[in-house]
Amino acid sequence: MEQSKKEKRLVTEVFVEGAKKGWNMGINSIIPNVLMAYVLIKAMNLSGLIDIIGTVFAPVMGIFGLPGEAIAVLLGSFMSMGGGIGVAVSMFSDGLITGEHISKMIPAMFLMGALLQYAGRILGTSEVDARKFPVLFGIAIINAILSLFVMNIIV
């Protein structure tokens, strides 16, 4: 009887239900992360902290053809995909990184994106032994680094 109710649902009902869920996800998860990252980068830029970060990480990020400040995008992505995107947008609007830099970082952002969040949401709830977290994180980070090398060659 339950299955017959599902079969009788109109496509419009399913669409509206999905749209509501998507709206709630955007309002409650994505937008706050992007906004927080955007404001944080603006504050770091105004305080001069982003210049210090850029100087410190310039040698490492230069290997991938990126400015030192770009490390903030990767760190933001490590914590939250929305945050990483917010950092990238903020830095792009401030002229700290270019579209080419973002193109090089996108695969790395997705390969290691939101690892910190997923550790709690997925690994923690699935009762994965916490001693295995470094290996799981390490694989994702190594893949991200490899993608930076490849993207530096391609782009």
Foldseek 3Di string as FASTA:
>chain_A
DVVVVVVPDDPVVVVVVVVVVVVCCCVPPQVVLLVVLLVVLVVCVVVVVLVVQQVVQQVVVVLLVATSSLVSLLVLQLQALSSSVSNVVNCCVVVRGHPLRVQLQVVLSVLNGNLVVCCCVPVVVVVPPPVCSVVVNVVSNVVSVVSSNVSSVVD
